[in-house]
PDB file of N, CA and C in Angstrom:
ATOM      1  N   MET A   1      -0.298  17.905  59.789  1.00  0.00           N
ATOM      2  CA  MET A   1      -0.974  17.210  58.693  1.00  0.00           C
ATOM      3  C   MET A   1      -2.290  16.404  59.211  1.00  0.00           C
ATOM      4  N   PHE A   2      -3.292  16.391  58.499  1.00  0.00           N
ATOM      5  CA  PHE A   2      -4.422  15.821  58.827  1.00  0.00           C
ATOM      6  C   PHE A   2      -4.735  14.427  58.295  1.00  0.00           C
ATOM      7  N   GLU A   3      -5.413  13.589  59.122  1.00  0.00           N
ATOM      8  CA  GLU A   3      -5.781  12.287  58.686  1.00  0.00           C
ATOM      9  C   GLU A   3      -6.949  12.152  57.763  1.00  0.00           C
ATOM     10  N   THR A   4      -6.797  11.547  56.559  1.00  0.00           N
ATOM     11  CA  THR A   4      -7.885  11.210  55.633  1.00  0.00           C
ATOM     12  C   THR A   4      -8.660  10.277  56.130  1.00  0.00           C
ATOM     13  N   GLU A   5     -10.068  10.239  56.224  1.00  0.00           N
ATOM     14  CA  GLU A   5     -10.917   9.083  56.314  1.00  0.00           C
ATOM     15  C   GLU A   5     -10.921   8.240  55.327  1.00  0.00           C
ATOM     16  N   THR A   6     -10.973   6.808  55.536  1.00  0.00           N
ATOM     17  CA  THR A   6     -11.315   5.835  54.379  1.00  0.00           C
ATOM     18  C   THR A   6     -12.488   5.228  54.561  1.00  0.00           C
ATOM     19  N   HIS A   7     -13.068   5.105  53.372  1.00  0.00           N
ATOM     20  CA  HIS A   7     -14.570   4.742  53.466  1.00  0.00           C
ATOM     21  C   HIS A   7     -14.548   3.502  52.482  1.00  0.00           C
ATOM     22  N   ALA A   8     -15.379   2.543  52.710  1.00  0.00           N
ATOM     23  CA  ALA A   8     -15.443   1.286  51.919  1.00  0.00           C
ATOM     24  C   ALA A   8     -16.777   1.271  51.082  1.00  0.00           C
ATOM     25  N   MET A   9     -16.428   1.318  49.743  1.00  0.00           N
ATOM     26  CA  MET A   9     -17.531   1.241  48.844  1.00  0.00           C
ATOM     27  C   MET A   9     -18.153  -0.041  48.782  1.00  0.00           C
ATOM     28  N   GLU A  10     -19.338  -0.197  48.453  1.00  0.00           N
ATOM     29  CA  GLU A  10     -20.247  -1.294  48.157  1.00  0.00           C
ATOM     30  C   GLU A  10     -20.668  -1.485  46.822  1.00  0.00           C
ATOM     31  N   LEU A  11     -20.482  -2.633  46.276  1.00  0.00           N
ATOM     32  CA  LEU A  11     -21.077  -2.947  44.793  1.00  0.00           C
ATOM     33  C   LEU A  11     -22.585  -3.110  45.118  1.00  0.00           C
ATOM     34  N   VAL A  12     -23.409  -2.313  44.266  1.00  0.00           N
ATOM     35  CA  VAL A  12     -24.760  -2.344  44.505  1.00  0.00           C
ATOM     36  C   VAL A  12     -25.357  -3.315  43.556  1.00  0.00           C
ATOM     37  N   GLN A  13     -24.993  -2.994  42.243  1.00  0.00           N
ATOM     38  CA  GLN A  13     -25.688  -3.857  41.294  1.00  0.00           C
ATOM     39  C   GLN A  13     -24.805  -3.748  39.853  1.00  0.00           C
ATOM     40  N   VAL A  14     -24.929  -4.666  39.047  1.00  0.00           N
ATOM     41  CA  VAL A  14     -24.280  -4.786  37.881  1.00  0.00           C
ATOM     42  C   VAL A  14     -25.451  -5.070  36.678  1.00  0.00           C
ATOM     43  N   ASP A  15     -25.663  -4.112  35.764  1.00  0.00           N
ATOM     44  CA  ASP A  15     -26.624  -4.356  34.760  1.00  0.00           C
ATOM     45  C   ASP A  15     -26.309  -5.235  33.643  1.00  0.00           C
ATOM     46  N   ALA A  16     -27.197  -5.333  32.679  1.00  0.00           N
ATOM     47  CA  ALA A  16     -26.897  -6.571  31.564  1.00  0.00           C
ATOM     48  C   ALA A  16     -25.659  -6.016  30.642  1.00  0.00           C
ATOM     49  N   ALA A  17     -25.405  -4.872  30.598  1.00  0.00           N
ATOM     50  CA  ALA A  17     -24.321  -4.284  29.873  1.00  0.00           C
ATOM     51  C   ALA A  17     -23.094  -4.290  30.665  1.00  0.00           C
ATOM     52  N   GLY A  18     -23.028  -4.745  31.953  1.00  0.00           N
ATOM     53  CA  GLY A  18     -21.766  -4.818  32.666  1.00  0.00           C
ATOM     54  C   GLY A  18     -21.337  -3.649  33.432  1.00  0.00           C
ATOM     55  N   THR A  19     -22.324  -2.479  33.326  1.00  0.00           N
ATOM     56  CA  THR A  19     -22.004  -1.321  34.116  1.00  0.00           C
ATOM     57  C   THR A  19     -22.253  -1.641  35.623  1.00  0.00           C
ATOM     58  N   GLU A  20     -21.425  -1.143  36.467  1.00  0.00           N
ATOM     59  CA  GLU A  20     -21.558  -1.365  37.900  1.00  0.00           C
ATOM     60  C   GLU A  20     -21.904  -0.285  38.576  1.00  0.00           C
ATOM     61  N   GLU A  21     -22.704  -0.348  39.534  1.00  0.00           N
ATOM     62  CA  GLU A  21     -23.176   0.801  40.542  1.00  0.00           C
ATOM     63  C   GLU A  21     -22.347   0.611  41.664  1.00  0.00           C
ATOM     64  N   TRP A  22     -21.691   1.576  42.335  1.00  0.00           N
ATOM     65  CA  TRP A  22     -20.985   1.435  43.550  1.00  0.00           C
ATOM     66  C   TRP A  22     -21.702   2.579  44.552  1.00  0.00           C
ATOM     67  N   HIS A  23     -21.549   2.205  45.782  1.00  0.00           N
ATOM     68  CA  HIS A  23     -22.211   3.183  46.720  1.00  0.00           C
ATOM     69  C   HIS A  23     -21.457   3.141  47.971  1.00  0.00           C
ATOM     70  N   CYS A  24     -21.149   4.251  48.766  1.00  0.00           N
ATOM     71  CA  CYS A  24     -20.407   4.410  49.874  1.00  0.00           C
ATOM     72  C   CYS A  24     -21.502   4.806  50.960  1.00  0.00           C
ATOM     73  N   PRO A  25     -21.621   3.692  51.938  1.00  0.00           N
ATOM     74  CA  PRO A  25     -22.611   3.920  53.080  1.00  0.00           C
ATOM     75  C   PRO A  25     -22.371   5.113  54.041  1.00  0.00           C
ATOM     76  N   MET A  26     -21.076   5.496  54.009  1.00  0.00           N
ATOM     77  CA  MET A  26     -20.619   6.418  55.092  1.00  0.00           C
ATOM     78  C   MET A  26     -20.895   7.887  54.536  1.00  0.00           C
ATOM     79  N   CYS A  27     -20.627   8.181  53.282  1.00  0.00           N
ATOM     80  CA  CYS A  27     -20.756   9.629  52.827  1.00  0.00           C
ATOM     81  C   CYS A  27     -21.834   9.676  51.735  1.00  0.00           C
ATOM     82  N   GLY A  28     -22.439   8.610  51.179  1.00  0.00           N
ATOM     83  CA  GLY A  28     -23.398   8.658  50.061  1.00  0.00           C
ATOM     84  C   GLY A  28     -22.945   8.701  48.783  1.00  0.00           C
ATOM     85  N   ARG A  29     -21.471   8.813  48.510  1.00  0.00           N
ATOM     86  CA  ARG A  29     -20.852   8.825  47.227  1.00  0.00           C
ATOM     87  C   ARG A  29     -21.466   7.534  46.504  1.00  0.00           C
ATOM     88  N   ARG A  30     -21.772   7.885  45.157  1.00  0.00           N
ATOM     89  CA  ARG A  30     -22.316   6.840  44.294  1.00  0.00           C
ATOM     90  C   ARG A  30     -21.757   7.097  42.853  1.00  0.00           C
ATOM     91  N   PHE A  31     -21.423   6.097  42.269  1.00  0.00           N
ATOM     92  CA  PHE A  31     -20.885   6.118  40.734  1.00  0.00           C
ATOM     93  C   PHE A  31     -21.155   4.853  40.202  1.00  0.00           C
ATOM     94  N   GLN A  32     -21.308   4.989  38.772  1.00  0.00           N
ATOM     95  CA  GLN A  32     -21.426   3.897  37.939  1.00  0.00           C
ATOM     96  C   GLN A  32     -20.053   3.905  37.171  1.00  0.00           C
ATOM     97  N   MET A  33     -19.719   2.624  36.846  1.00  0.00           N
ATOM     98  CA  MET A  33     -18.414   2.640  35.972  1.00  0.00           C
ATOM     99  C   MET A  33     -18.451   1.273  35.129  1.00  0.00           C
ATOM    100  N   ARG A  34     -17.685   1.302  34.105  1.00  0.00           N
ATOM    101  CA  ARG A  34     -17.469   0.031  33.101  1.00  0.00           C
ATOM    102  C   ARG A  34     -16.149  -0.019  33.030  1.00  0.00           C
ATOM    103  N   TRP A  35     -15.696  -1.317  33.023  1.00  0.00           N
ATOM    104  CA  TRP A  35     -14.285  -1.642  32.881  1.00  0.00           C
ATOM    105  C   TRP A  35     -13.764  -1.688  31.566  1.00  0.00           C
ATOM    106  N   PRO A  36     -12.313  -1.459  31.308  1.00  0.00           N
ATOM    107  CA  PRO A  36     -11.797  -1.569  29.822  1.00  0.00           C
ATOM    108  C   PRO A  36     -12.332  -2.814  29.275  1.00  0.00           C
ATOM    109  N   PRO A  37     -12.447  -2.895  27.948  1.00  0.00           N
ATOM    110  CA  PRO A  37     -11.820  -2.035  27.031  1.00  0.00           C
ATOM    111  C   PRO A  37     -12.729  -0.702  26.807  1.00  0.00           C
ATOM    112  N   GLU A  38     -13.996  -0.589  27.223  1.00  0.00           N
ATOM    113  CA  GLU A  38     -14.754   0.602  27.055  1.00  0.00           C
ATOM    114  C   GLU A  38     -15.015   1.174  28.358  1.00  0.00           C
ATOM    115  N   TYR A  39     -13.940   1.630  28.992  1.00  0.00           N
ATOM    116  CA  TYR A  39     -13.893   2.201  30.515  1.00  0.00           C
ATOM    117  C   TYR A  39     -14.784   3.429  30.510  1.00  0.00           C
ATOM    118  N   ALA A  40     -15.609   3.562  31.542  1.00  0.00           N
ATOM    119  CA  ALA A  40     -16.297   4.806  31.702  1.00  0.00           C
ATOM    120  C   ALA A  40     -16.612   4.828  33.264  1.00  0.00           C
ATOM    121  N   LYS A  41     -16.652   6.124  33.694  1.00  0.00           N
ATOM    122  CA  LYS A  41     -16.875   6.272  35.132  1.00  0.00           C
ATOM    123  C   LYS A  41     -17.801   7.570  35.234  1.00  0.00           C
ATOM    124  N   VAL A  42     -19.126   7.430  35.826  1.00  0.00           N
ATOM    125  CA  VAL A  42     -19.898   8.607  36.040  1.00  0.00           C
ATOM    126  C   VAL A  42     -20.262   8.780  37.375  1.00  0.00           C
ATOM    127  N   VAL A  43     -19.807   9.837  38.043  1.00  0.00           N
ATOM    128  CA  VAL A  43     -20.108  10.024  39.362  1.00  0.00           C
ATOM    129  C   VAL A  43     -21.622  10.678  39.604  1.00  0.00           C
ATOM    130  N   LEU A  44     -22.532   9.940  40.179  1.00  0.00           N
ATOM    131  CA  LEU A  44     -23.842  10.193  40.401  1.00  0.00           C
ATOM    132  C   LEU A  44     -23.989  11.218  41.574  1.00  0.00           C
ATOM    133  N   VAL A  45     -23.404  10.891  42.776  1.00  0.00           N
ATOM    134  CA  VAL A  45     -23.298  11.719  43.987  1.00  0.00           C
ATOM    135  C   VAL A  45     -21.895  11.695  44.361  1.00  0.00           C
ATOM    136  N   PRO A  46     -21.303  13.001  44.519  1.00  0.00           N
ATOM    137  CA  PRO A  46     -19.998  12.987  44.870  1.00  0.00           C
ATOM    138  C   PRO A  46     -19.616  12.454  46.461  1.00  0.00           C
ATOM    139  N   GLY A  47     -20.447  12.798  47.198  1.00  0.00           N
ATOM    140  CA  GLY A  47     -20.168  12.375  48.701  1.00  0.00           C
ATOM    141  C   GLY A  47     -19.079  13.236  49.176  1.00  0.00           C
ATOM    142  N   ASP A  48     -18.231  12.504  49.994  1.00  0.00           N
ATOM    143  CA  ASP A  48     -17.150  13.084  50.536  1.00  0.00           C
ATOM    144  C   ASP A  48     -15.761  12.969  49.640  1.00  0.00           C
ATOM    145  N   GLU A  49     -15.521  13.850  48.826  1.00  0.00           N
ATOM    146  CA  GLU A  49     -14.470  13.852  47.803  1.00  0.00           C
ATOM    147  C   GLU A  49     -12.947  13.943  48.472  1.00  0.00           C
ATOM    148  N   TYR A  50     -12.958  14.141  49.704  1.00  0.00           N
ATOM    149  CA  TYR A  50     -11.682  14.088  50.219  1.00  0.00           C
ATOM    150  C   TYR A  50     -11.297  12.820  51.023  1.00  0.00           C
ATOM    151  N   ALA A  51     -12.313  11.916  51.172  1.00  0.00           N
ATOM    152  CA  ALA A  51     -12.152  10.637  51.723  1.00  0.00           C
ATOM    153  C   ALA A  51     -11.501   9.744  50.723  1.00  0.00           C
ATOM    154  N   ILE A  52     -10.731   8.675  51.102  1.00  0.00           N
ATOM    155  CA  ILE A  52     -10.278   7.644  50.377  1.00  0.00           C
ATOM    156  C   ILE A  52     -11.168   6.629  50.461  1.00  0.00           C
ATOM    157  N   HIS A  53     -11.592   6.232  49.183  1.00  0.00           N
ATOM    158  CA  HIS A  53     -12.576   5.194  48.899  1.00  0.00           C
ATOM    159  C   HIS A  53     -12.015   3.922  48.492  1.00  0.00           C
ATOM    160  N   THR A  54     -12.335   2.747  49.214  1.00  0.00           N
ATOM    161  CA  THR A  54     -11.789   1.599  48.903  1.00  0.00           C
ATOM    162  C   THR A  54     -12.832   0.694  48.409  1.00  0.00           C
ATOM    163  N   GLY A  55     -12.751  -0.553  47.910  1.00  0.00           N
ATOM    164  CA  GLY A  55     -13.810  -1.411  47.666  1.00  0.00           C
ATOM    165  C   GLY A  55     -13.244  -2.814  47.323  1.00  0.00           C
ATOM    166  N   ALA A  56     -14.046  -3.842  47.100  1.00  0.00           N
ATOM    167  CA  ALA A  56     -13.628  -5.036  46.617  1.00  0.00           C
ATOM    168  C   ALA A  56     -14.628  -5.817  45.883  1.00  0.00           C
ATOM    169  N   LYS A  57     -14.075  -6.555  44.921  1.00  0.00           N
ATOM    170  CA  LYS A  57     -15.167  -7.401  44.032  1.00  0.00           C
ATOM    171  C   LYS A  57     -14.343  -8.578  43.582  1.00  0.00           C
ATOM    172  N   GLY A  58     -14.794  -9.753  43.682  1.00  0.00           N
ATOM    173  CA  GLY A  58     -14.441 -11.117  43.198  1.00  0.00           C
ATOM    174  C   GLY A  58     -13.006 -11.394  43.649  1.00  0.00           C
ATOM    175  N   GLY A  59     -12.439 -10.866  44.919  1.00  0.00           N
ATOM    176  CA  GLY A  59     -11.299 -11.143  45.544  1.00  0.00           C
ATOM    177  C   GLY A  59     -10.359 -10.108  45.181  1.00  0.00           C
ATOM    178  N   LEU A  60     -10.602  -9.008  44.501  1.00  0.00           N
ATOM    179  CA  LEU A  60      -9.764  -7.951  44.117  1.00  0.00           C
ATOM    180  C   LEU A  60      -9.999  -6.998  44.918  1.00  0.00           C
ATOM    181  N   GLN A  61      -8.981  -6.347  45.657  1.00  0.00           N
ATOM    182  CA  GLN A  61      -9.181  -5.366  46.675  1.00  0.00           C
ATOM    183  C   GLN A  61      -8.652  -3.973  46.214  1.00  0.00           C
ATOM    184  N   MET A  62      -9.372  -2.879  46.139  1.00  0.00           N
ATOM    185  CA  MET A  62      -8.934  -1.581  45.964  1.00  0.00           C
ATOM    186  C   MET A  62      -8.623  -0.905  47.202  1.00  0.00           C
ATOM    187  N   GLY A  63      -7.504  -0.225  47.329  1.00  0.00           N
ATOM    188  CA  GLY A  63      -7.002   0.252  48.519  1.00  0.00           C
ATOM    189  C   GLY A  63      -6.527   1.768  48.440  1.00  0.00           C
ATOM    190  N   GLU A  64      -6.030   2.317  49.340  1.00  0.00           N
ATOM    191  CA  GLU A  64      -5.385   3.635  49.336  1.00  0.00           C
ATOM    192  C   GLU A  64      -4.333   3.588  48.359  1.00  0.00           C
ATOM    193  N   PRO A  65      -4.200   4.770  47.773  1.00  0.00           N
ATOM    194  CA  PRO A  65      -3.031   4.883  46.810  1.00  0.00           C
ATOM    195  C   PRO A  65      -1.682   5.021  47.479  1.00  0.00           C
ATOM    196  N   ALA A  66      -0.703   4.265  47.015  1.00  0.00           N
ATOM    197  CA  ALA A  66       0.630   4.415  47.562  1.00  0.00           C
ATOM    198  C   ALA A  66       1.705   4.916  46.844  1.00  0.00           C
ATOM    199  N   VAL A  67       2.643   5.731  47.308  1.00  0.00           N
ATOM    200  CA  VAL A  67       3.701   6.239  46.688  1.00  0.00           C
ATOM    201  C   VAL A  67       4.951   5.463  47.022  1.00  0.00           C
ATOM    202  N   LEU A  68       5.634   4.910  45.950  1.00  0.00           N
ATOM    203  CA  LEU A  68       6.682   3.985  46.109  1.00  0.00           C
ATOM    204  C   LEU A  68       8.000   4.687  45.727  1.00  0.00           C
ATOM    205  N   ASP A  69       8.986   4.443  46.471  1.00  0.00           N
ATOM    206  CA  ASP A  69      10.281   4.937  46.288  1.00  0.00           C
ATOM    207  C   ASP A  69      10.984   4.097  45.108  1.00  0.00           C
ATOM    208  N   ALA A  70      11.066   4.572  43.939  1.00  0.00           N
ATOM    209  CA  ALA A  70      11.488   3.948  42.788  1.00  0.00           C
ATOM    210  C   ALA A  70      12.854   3.142  43.024  1.00  0.00           C
ATOM    211  N   GLU A  71      13.751   3.896  43.770  1.00  0.00           N
ATOM    212  CA  GLU A  71      15.181   3.314  43.850  1.00  0.00           C
ATOM    213  C   GLU A  71      15.085   2.093  44.760  1.00  0.00           C
ATOM    214  N   ASN A  72      14.289   2.110  45.618  1.00  0.00           N
ATOM    215  CA  ASN A  72      14.105   0.968  46.623  1.00  0.00           C
ATOM    216  C   ASN A  72      13.084  -0.147  46.381  1.00  0.00           C
ATOM    217  N   TYR A  73      12.528   0.143  45.381  1.00  0.00           N
ATOM    218  CA  TYR A  73      11.208  -0.749  45.113  1.00  0.00           C
ATOM    219  C   TYR A  73      11.822  -1.906  44.349  1.00  0.00           C
ATOM    220  N   ARG A  74      11.269  -3.204  44.756  1.00  0.00           N
ATOM    221  CA  ARG A  74      11.546  -4.436  43.996  1.00  0.00           C
ATOM    222  C   ARG A  74      10.186  -5.277  43.932  1.00  0.00           C
ATOM    223  N   ALA A  75      10.038  -5.629  42.769  1.00  0.00           N
ATOM    224  CA  ALA A  75       8.747  -6.441  42.616  1.00  0.00           C
ATOM    225  C   ALA A  75       8.886  -7.696  43.363  1.00  0.00           C
ATOM    226  N   ALA A  76       7.741  -8.119  43.890  1.00  0.00           N
ATOM    227  CA  ALA A  76       7.624  -9.415  44.513  1.00  0.00           C
ATOM    228  C   ALA A  76       7.864 -10.540  43.529  1.00  0.00           C
ATOM    229  N   PRO A  77       8.711 -11.426  44.010  1.00  0.00           N
ATOM    230  CA  PRO A  77       8.937 -12.696  42.915  1.00  0.00           C
ATOM    231  C   PRO A  77       7.577 -13.372  42.816  1.00  0.00           C
ATOM    232  N   SER A  78       7.375 -13.841  41.546  1.00  0.00           N
ATOM    233  CA  SER A  78       6.123 -14.457  41.158  1.00  0.00           C
ATOM    234  C   SER A  78       6.221 -15.810  41.935  1.00  0.00           C
ATOM    235  N   ALA A  79       5.118 -16.290  42.509  1.00  0.00           N
ATOM    236  CA  ALA A  79       5.006 -17.550  43.225  1.00  0.00           C
ATOM    237  C   ALA A  79       5.525 -18.791  42.207  1.00  0.00           C
ATOM    238  N   SER A  80       4.846 -18.795  41.042  1.00  0.00           N
ATOM    239  CA  SER A  80       5.192 -19.805  40.094  1.00  0.00           C
ATOM    240  C   SER A  80       5.274 -19.143  38.727  1.00  0.00           C
ATOM    241  N   PRO A  81       6.367 -18.763  38.316  1.00  0.00           N
ATOM    242  CA  PRO A  81       6.609 -18.188  37.021  1.00  0.00           C
ATOM    243  C   PRO A  81       6.015 -19.036  35.801  1.00  0.00           C
ATOM    244  N   THR A  82       5.309 -18.497  34.917  1.00  0.00           N
ATOM    245  CA  THR A  82       4.673 -19.180  33.871  1.00  0.00           C
ATOM    246  C   THR A  82       5.751 -19.276  32.792  1.00  0.00           C
ATOM    247  N   PRO A  83       6.328 -20.450  32.297  1.00  0.00           N
ATOM    248  CA  PRO A  83       7.177 -20.347  31.275  1.00  0.00           C
ATOM    249  C   PRO A  83       6.500 -20.015  29.952  1.00  0.00           C
ATOM    250  N   GLU A  84       7.356 -19.285  29.085  1.00  0.00           N
ATOM    251  CA  GLU A  84       6.956 -18.937  27.745  1.00  0.00           C
ATOM    252  C   GLU A  84       6.817 -20.249  26.921  1.00  0.00           C
ATOM    253  N   PRO A  85       5.514 -20.166  26.219  1.00  0.00           N
ATOM    254  CA  PRO A  85       5.456 -21.415  25.398  1.00  0.00           C
ATOM    255  C   PRO A  85       6.568 -21.374  24.176  1.00  0.00           C
ATOM    256  N   GLU A  86       6.813 -22.771  23.974  1.00  0.00           N
ATOM    257  CA  GLU A  86       7.817 -22.825  22.806  1.00  0.00           C
ATOM    258  C   GLU A  86       7.108 -22.812  21.474  1.00  0.00           C
ATOM    259  N   LEU A  87       7.519 -22.272  20.562  1.00  0.00           N
ATOM    260  CA  LEU A  87       6.863 -22.127  19.273  1.00  0.00           C
ATOM    261  C   LEU A  87       7.725 -23.151  18.276  1.00  0.00           C
ATOM    262  N   SER A  88       7.040 -23.730  17.378  1.00  0.00           N
ATOM    263  CA  SER A  88       7.538 -24.631  16.463  1.00  0.00           C
ATOM    264  C   SER A  88       8.289 -23.810  15.403  1.00  0.00           C
ATOM    265  N   PRO A  89       9.359 -24.367  14.736  1.00  0.00           N
ATOM    266  CA  PRO A  89      10.375 -23.573  13.775  1.00  0.00           C
ATOM    267  C   PRO A  89       9.298 -23.022  12.892  1.00  0.00           C
ATOM    268  N   GLU A  90       8.178 -23.720  12.334  1.00  0.00           N
ATOM    269  CA  GLU A  90       7.465 -23.078  11.270  1.00  0.00           C
ATOM    270  C   GLU A  90       6.727 -21.877  11.795  1.00  0.00           C
ATOM    271  N   VAL A  91       6.253 -21.980  13.060  1.00  0.00           N
ATOM    272  CA  VAL A  91       5.389 -20.725  13.593  1.00  0.00           C
ATOM    273  C   VAL A  91       6.409 -19.605  13.773  1.00  0.00           C
ATOM    274  N   SER A  92       7.602 -19.856  14.282  1.00  0.00           N
ATOM    275  CA  SER A  92       8.554 -18.960  14.472  1.00  0.00           C
ATOM    276  C   SER A  92       8.880 -18.078  13.170  1.00  0.00           C
ATOM    277  N   ASP A  93       9.071 -18.994  12.123  1.00  0.00           N
ATOM    278  CA  ASP A  93       9.332 -18.450  10.970  1.00  0.00           C
ATOM    279  C   ASP A  93       8.187 -17.500  10.456  1.00  0.00           C
ATOM    280  N   LEU A  94       7.040 -18.033  10.565  1.00  0.00           N
ATOM    281  CA  LEU A  94       5.823 -17.089  10.240  1.00  0.00           C
ATOM    282  C   LEU A  94       5.985 -15.824  11.012  1.00  0.00           C
ATOM    283  N   TRP A  95       6.017 -15.836  12.228  1.00  0.00           N
ATOM    284  CA  TRP A  95       6.003 -14.631  12.864  1.00  0.00           C
ATOM    285  C   TRP A  95       7.134 -13.628  12.502  1.00  0.00           C
ATOM    286  N   ARG A  96       8.302 -14.068  12.229  1.00  0.00           N
ATOM    287  CA  ARG A  96       9.362 -13.353  11.724  1.00  0.00           C
ATOM    288  C   ARG A  96       9.085 -12.741  10.598  1.00  0.00           C
ATOM    289  N   ARG A  97       8.464 -13.388   9.427  1.00  0.00           N
ATOM    290  CA  ARG A  97       8.025 -12.883   8.282  1.00  0.00           C
ATOM    291  C   ARG A  97       6.902 -11.832   8.513  1.00  0.00           C
ATOM    292  N   LEU A  98       6.127 -12.147   9.210  1.00  0.00           N
ATOM    293  CA  LEU A  98       4.929 -11.053   9.514  1.00  0.00           C
ATOM    294  C   LEU A  98       5.594  -9.833  10.127  1.00  0.00           C
ATOM    295  N   LEU A  99       6.435  -9.995  11.080  1.00  0.00           N
ATOM    296  CA  LEU A  99       7.116  -8.723  11.738  1.00  0.00           C
ATOM    297  C   LEU A  99       7.872  -7.980  10.649  1.00  0.00           C
ATOM    298  N   ARG A 100       8.592  -8.820   9.706  1.00  0.00           N
ATOM    299  CA  ARG A 100       9.452  -8.223   8.877  1.00  0.00           C
ATOM    300  C   ARG A 100       8.609  -7.480   7.757  1.00  0.00           C
ATOM    301  N   ASP A 101       7.402  -8.035   7.440  1.00  0.00           N
ATOM    302  CA  ASP A 101       6.499  -7.409   6.554  1.00  0.00           C
ATOM    303  C   ASP A 101       6.049  -6.119   7.009  1.00  0.00           C
ATOM    304  N   LEU A 102       5.695  -6.106   8.493  1.00  0.00           N
ATOM    305  CA  LEU A 102       5.192  -4.879   9.129  1.00  0.00           C
ATOM    306  C   LEU A 102       6.223  -3.963   9.143  1.00  0.00           C
ATOM    307  N   GLU A 103       7.545  -4.202   9.436  1.00  0.00           N
ATOM    308  CA  GLU A 103       8.469  -3.169   9.236  1.00  0.00           C
ATOM    309  C   GLU A 103       8.630  -2.622   7.941  1.00  0.00           C
ATOM    310  N   ASP A 104       8.640  -3.370   6.869  1.00  0.00           N
ATOM    311  CA  ASP A 104       8.759  -2.972   5.478  1.00  0.00           C
ATOM    312  C   ASP A 104       7.577  -2.005   5.103  1.00  0.00           C
ATOM    313  N   GLU A 105       6.319  -2.050   5.845  1.00  0.00           N
ATOM    314  CA  GLU A 105       5.227  -1.265   5.522  1.00  0.00           C
ATOM    315  C   GLU A 105       5.348   0.151   5.927  1.00  0.00           C
ATOM    316  N   ARG A 106       6.336   0.297   6.964  1.00  0.00           N
ATOM    317  CA  ARG A 106       6.576   1.535   7.579  1.00  0.00           C
ATOM    318  C   ARG A 106       7.243   2.510   6.818  1.00  0.00           C
TER     319      ARG A 106
END
């Protein structure tokens, strides 16, 4: 089995519309992307298509894809679970009526 190279992408620029341009200094890969809700990705220069490309932005790190064993996978516990907000009885009743009305429309 062969080892796949890992290349680190660099964020080059972000235009006024929020489209990001990313570049790999190792192989020349270059693409533009927009995040959801209007996701789009356009590869400008493919570079090494067999390399694993990673990158980071604002503290978020993209890395190698991982295959998890579903039977043995356990999600890490949340450091501080956020409690569900409690709704007043009036709001709860309103939501129940709205959901019931939606069900009736089906």
